[in-house]
Protein backbone atom coordinates (compact mmCIF):
# COMPACT_ATOMS: atom_id res chain seq x y z
CA MET A 1 95.18 111.67 88.52
CA ARG A 2 98.14 111.84 90.65
CA ASN A 3 100.53 109.39 91.36
CA PHE A 4 102.02 109.19 95.10
CA ARG A 5 105.11 107.09 95.72
CA TYR A 6 105.49 106.62 99.77
CA ASP A 7 108.52 103.81 99.76
CA ASP A 8 110.67 101.99 96.89
CA TYR A 9 107.87 99.36 95.93
CA LYS A 10 104.52 101.19 96.10
CA THR A 11 102.91 103.73 93.99
CA VAL A 12 99.14 104.55 94.74
CA THR A 13 96.91 106.33 92.11
CA ILE A 14 94.28 108.55 93.37
CA ASP A 15 92.06 110.15 90.79
CA ASP A 16 89.43 112.94 91.12
CA GLN A 17 86.50 110.61 91.75
CA SER A 18 88.12 108.74 94.79
CA GLU A 19 86.30 109.15 98.42
CA PRO A 20 87.12 111.97 100.33
CA GLY A 21 90.69 110.80 102.62
CA ALA A 22 91.04 108.07 100.47
CA TRP A 23 94.30 109.70 99.34
CA LYS A 24 95.47 109.51 102.98
CA GLU A 25 94.25 106.19 103.59
CA ALA A 26 96.17 104.69 100.95
CA LEU A 27 99.48 106.56 101.64
CA CYS A 28 99.46 104.76 105.42
CA ALA A 29 99.18 101.41 104.12
CA LYS A 30 102.19 100.87 103.76
CA ALA A 31 103.50 97.34 102.81
CA ASP A 32 105.21 95.18 105.13
CA MET A 33 109.08 95.32 103.72
CA VAL A 34 109.59 92.22 106.28
CA ASN A 35 106.69 89.48 106.60
CA HIS A 36 105.54 89.63 103.22
CA PRO A 37 106.68 92.28 100.86
CA ASP A 38 104.48 92.51 97.63
CA HIS A 39 106.71 91.91 95.32
CA TYR A 40 107.53 88.29 96.45
CA LYS A 41 103.83 87.26 96.25
CA VAL A 42 103.88 87.69 92.22
CA GLY A 43 101.93 84.77 90.18
CA GLY A 44 100.00 83.85 93.36
CA ILE A 45 102.50 82.47 95.50
CA GLU A 46 104.64 83.72 97.97
CA THR A 47 108.35 83.18 96.52
CA ILE A 48 109.58 81.45 99.89
CA ASP A 49 106.97 78.74 99.64
CA PHE A 50 108.11 77.89 96.11
CA ILE A 51 111.38 77.59 97.14
CA GLN A 52 110.49 75.51 100.13
CA ALA A 53 108.58 73.20 98.16
CA LYS A 54 111.29 72.53 95.82
CA LEU A 55 114.31 72.30 98.26
CA SER A 56 114.96 69.24 100.77
CA PRO A 57 114.87 70.16 104.28
CA GLU A 58 118.40 69.85 104.44
CA GLU A 59 118.73 72.69 101.35
CA PHE A 60 116.25 75.06 102.96
CA ALA A 61 118.12 75.31 105.75
CA GLY A 62 121.02 76.31 104.39
CA TYR A 63 119.00 78.50 102.18
CA CYS A 64 117.39 80.23 104.96
CA ARG A 65 120.74 80.37 106.97
CA GLY A 66 122.84 81.60 104.00
CA ASN A 67 119.58 84.48 103.88
CA MET A 68 120.52 85.16 107.65
CA LEU A 69 123.97 85.47 106.75
CA LYS A 70 123.61 87.95 104.37
CA TYR A 71 120.86 90.36 106.20
CA ILE A 72 123.17 90.52 109.24
CA SER A 73 126.52 91.11 107.17
CA ARG A 74 124.57 94.03 105.78
CA ALA A 75 123.19 95.68 108.19
CA GLY A 76 124.15 99.43 109.03
CA HIS A 77 125.63 99.45 105.44
CA LYS A 78 121.84 100.26 103.79
CA ALA A 79 119.25 102.84 105.02
CA ASP A 80 117.79 100.62 107.30
CA ALA A 81 119.68 98.35 109.27
CA ALA A 82 116.81 97.51 111.89
CA GLU A 83 115.04 96.27 108.70
CA ASP A 84 117.68 94.24 107.91
CA MET A 85 117.73 92.59 111.18
CA ARG A 86 114.17 91.99 111.23
CA LYS A 87 114.82 90.17 107.88
CA ALA A 88 117.38 88.09 109.42
CA LEU A 89 115.16 87.07 112.32
CA TRP A 90 112.30 86.36 109.77
CA TYR A 91 114.43 83.76 108.01
CA GLY A 92 115.80 82.04 111.56
CA ASN A 93 112.19 81.91 112.67
CA ARG A 94 111.24 80.43 109.15
CA TRP A 95 113.80 77.75 109.25
CA LEU A 96 112.71 76.85 113.08
CA SER A 97 108.83 76.29 111.83
CA ALA A 98 110.04 73.98 108.87
CA ARG A 99 112.09 72.46 110.99
CA ASP A 100 109.39 71.95 114.26
CA ALA A 101 106.93 70.75 110.97
CA GLY A 102 109.37 68.70 110.22
CA ALA A 103 109.15 69.76 106.48
C-alpha cells in the first residue's frame, strides 16, 4: 500500500489490488480548494451553509465582506495569490447570491 500526497489536504492510498491506472486518476482528481474544499464539508454540511443559517442577512454580509478583505489582504504573501483572489471573489459572489435571494 502506498500513500500519495498531492496537495495540502489530500492523501490518496493505492494498494496492490487497485485497477491499472487508478493511481493516475486518483492523483489527477485534485480537490477544488476555492469552491468546495473537502475539509469544509466534514459533518455533512458545508461550513458556509451552517454559518449563513445562523446569522442574520446583515451579519452574513459582514462575514462575507470580512473574508473578502482577508483574502485580498494576504494575496501575494502566500504561495498562490491567484487562489486567494479567487476566494475573495467567491465570498463576494456568495454574498450577492444571498442578497438577491433575500436570505
